[in-house]
C-alpha atoms as a PDB file:
ATOM      1  CA  MET A   1     -19.945 -30.582 -21.243  1.00  0.00           C
ATOM      2  CA  ILE A   2     -16.206 -30.041 -20.762  1.00  0.00           C
ATOM      3  CA  GLU A   3     -16.184 -27.433 -23.508  1.00  0.00           C
ATOM      4  CA  TRP A   4     -18.202 -25.233 -21.173  1.00  0.00           C
ATOM      5  CA  VAL A   5     -15.259 -25.084 -18.768  1.00  0.00           C
ATOM      6  CA  GLY A   6     -13.173 -23.574 -21.562  1.00  0.00           C
ATOM      7  CA  TRP A   7     -15.898 -21.094 -22.473  1.00  0.00           C
ATOM      8  CA  ILE A   8     -16.370 -20.100 -18.834  1.00  0.00           C
ATOM      9  CA  ALA A   9     -12.601 -19.678 -18.439  1.00  0.00           C
ATOM     10  CA  THR A  10     -12.604 -17.402 -21.480  1.00  0.00           C
ATOM     11  CA  ALA A  11     -15.493 -15.363 -20.072  1.00  0.00           C
ATOM     12  CA  VAL A  12     -13.849 -15.030 -16.650  1.00  0.00           C
ATOM     13  CA  PHE A  13     -10.620 -13.856 -18.274  1.00  0.00           C
ATOM     14  CA  ALA A  14     -12.502 -11.290 -20.367  1.00  0.00           C
ATOM     15  CA  VAL A  15     -14.376 -10.029 -17.293  1.00  0.00           C
ATOM     16  CA  SER A  16     -11.054  -9.479 -15.526  1.00  0.00           C
ATOM     17  CA  TYR A  17     -10.496  -6.396 -17.705  1.00  0.00           C
ATOM     18  CA  PHE A  18     -13.443  -4.714 -16.001  1.00  0.00           C
ATOM     19  CA  CYS A  19     -11.748  -4.853 -12.586  1.00  0.00           C
ATOM     20  CA  ARG A  20     -10.850  -1.429 -11.288  1.00  0.00           C
ATOM     21  CA  ARG A  21      -7.898  -2.500  -9.177  1.00  0.00           C
ATOM     22  CA  PRO A  22      -4.906  -4.216 -10.797  1.00  0.00           C
ATOM     23  CA  ALA A  23      -4.632  -6.733  -7.946  1.00  0.00           C
ATOM     24  CA  ALA A  24      -8.264  -7.744  -8.402  1.00  0.00           C
ATOM     25  CA  MET A  25      -7.712  -8.139 -12.135  1.00  0.00           C
ATOM     26  CA  ARG A  26      -4.763 -10.449 -11.540  1.00  0.00           C
ATOM     27  CA  ARG A  27      -6.736 -12.573  -9.075  1.00  0.00           C
ATOM     28  CA  VAL A  28      -9.632 -12.931 -11.500  1.00  0.00           C
ATOM     29  CA  GLN A  29      -7.119 -13.897 -14.186  1.00  0.00           C
ATOM     30  CA  ALA A  30      -5.689 -16.496 -11.812  1.00  0.00           C
ATOM     31  CA  LEU A  31      -9.196 -17.904 -11.409  1.00  0.00           C
ATOM     32  CA  ALA A  32      -9.557 -18.088 -15.189  1.00  0.00           C
ATOM     33  CA  ALA A  33      -6.169 -19.822 -15.452  1.00  0.00           C
ATOM     34  CA  THR A  34      -7.312 -22.324 -12.824  1.00  0.00           C
ATOM     35  CA  LEU A  35     -10.364 -23.099 -14.937  1.00  0.00           C
ATOM     36  CA  TRP A  36      -8.063 -23.569 -17.940  1.00  0.00           C
ATOM     37  CA  ILE A  37      -5.991 -25.989 -15.842  1.00  0.00           C
ATOM     38  CA  VAL A  38      -9.122 -28.026 -15.113  1.00  0.00           C
ATOM     39  CA  TYR A  39      -9.934 -27.976 -18.809  1.00  0.00           C
ATOM     40  CA  GLY A  40      -6.383 -29.022 -19.710  1.00  0.00           C
ATOM     41  CA  ILE A  41      -6.432 -31.901 -17.232  1.00  0.00           C
ATOM     42  CA  THR A  42      -9.764 -33.098 -18.577  1.00  0.00           C
ATOM     43  CA  ILE A  43      -8.602 -33.124 -22.201  1.00  0.00           C
ATOM     44  CA  SER A  44      -5.100 -34.390 -21.281  1.00  0.00           C
ATOM     45  CA  ALA A  45      -3.280 -31.371 -22.704  1.00  0.00           C
ATOM     46  CA  PRO A  46       0.018 -30.797 -20.837  1.00  0.00           C
ATOM     47  CA  PRO A  47       0.826 -27.507 -22.645  1.00  0.00           C
ATOM     48  CA  VAL A  48      -2.508 -26.023 -21.503  1.00  0.00           C
ATOM     49  CA  ILE A  49      -1.900 -27.236 -17.954  1.00  0.00           C
ATOM     50  CA  ILE A  50       1.704 -26.006 -17.688  1.00  0.00           C
ATOM     51  CA  ALA A  51       1.073 -22.648 -19.360  1.00  0.00           C
ATOM     52  CA  ASN A  52      -1.838 -21.893 -17.070  1.00  0.00           C
ATOM     53  CA  LEU A  53      -0.018 -23.073 -13.952  1.00  0.00           C
ATOM     54  CA  VAL A  54       2.596 -20.435 -14.788  1.00  0.00           C
ATOM     55  CA  VAL A  55      -0.063 -17.781 -15.493  1.00  0.00           C
ATOM     56  CA  ALA A  56      -1.985 -18.538 -12.282  1.00  0.00           C
ATOM     57  CA  ALA A  57       1.159 -18.487 -10.141  1.00  0.00           C
ATOM     58  CA  VAL A  58       2.471 -15.236 -11.616  1.00  0.00           C
ATOM     59  CA  ALA A  59      -0.955 -13.595 -11.378  1.00  0.00           C
ATOM     60  CA  ILE A  60      -1.357 -14.495  -7.702  1.00  0.00           C
ATOM     61  CA  ILE A  61       2.197 -13.586  -6.722  1.00  0.00           C
ATOM     62  CA  SER A  62       2.152 -10.287  -8.606  1.00  0.00           C
ATOM     63  CA  SER A  63      -1.245  -9.362  -7.173  1.00  0.00           C
ATOM     64  CA  PHE A  64       0.312  -9.328  -3.709  1.00  0.00           C
ATOM     65  CA  GLN A  65       3.686  -7.859  -4.702  1.00  0.00           C
ATOM     66  CA  ARG A  66       2.170  -4.830  -6.387  1.00  0.00           C
ATOM     67  CA  ARG A  67       0.198  -4.000  -3.272  1.00  0.00           C
ATOM     68  CA  ASP A  68       3.287  -4.396  -1.079  1.00  0.00           C
ATOM     69  CA  GLN A  69       5.360  -2.205  -3.405  1.00  0.00           C
ATOM     70  CA  SER A  70       2.618   0.411  -3.518  1.00  0.00           C
ATOM     71  CA  ASN A  71       2.411   0.508   0.287  1.00  0.00           C
ATOM     72  CA  SER A  72       6.185   0.772   0.472  1.00  0.00           C
ATOM     73  CA  LEU A  73       6.232   3.697  -1.956  1.00  0.00           C
ATOM     74  CA  LYS A  74       3.466   5.455   0.008  1.00  0.00           C
ATOM     75  CA  ALA A  75       5.410   5.012   3.239  1.00  0.00           C
ATOM     76  CA  GLN A  76       8.551   6.420   1.623  1.00  0.00           C
ATOM     77  CA  ALA A  77       6.638   9.414   0.285  1.00  0.00           C
ATOM     78  CA  GLU A  78       5.117  10.120   3.687  1.00  0.00           C
ATOM     79  CA  SER A  79       8.491   9.900   5.408  1.00  0.00           C
ATOM     80  CA  ILE A  80       9.893  12.520   3.022  1.00  0.00           C
ATOM     81  CA  ARG A  81       7.112  14.982   3.883  1.00  0.00           C
END
């Protein structure tokens, strides 16, 4: 049964490449990493847990930073006009 969590995590990660917006892709990847964390906890695999904690955190943080940077660049461009 637990193997299915790993397979679902793999599928979710693969589906993330079909997201049109980069922020959405990163959030879907964070979801996949969270599933990998559950899998890692269940099989008692610290490297899987730690690696995916890092991936999930970076994916979530960068999904918001990119949007903020993009809005900032748009505001700068509009102020120049």
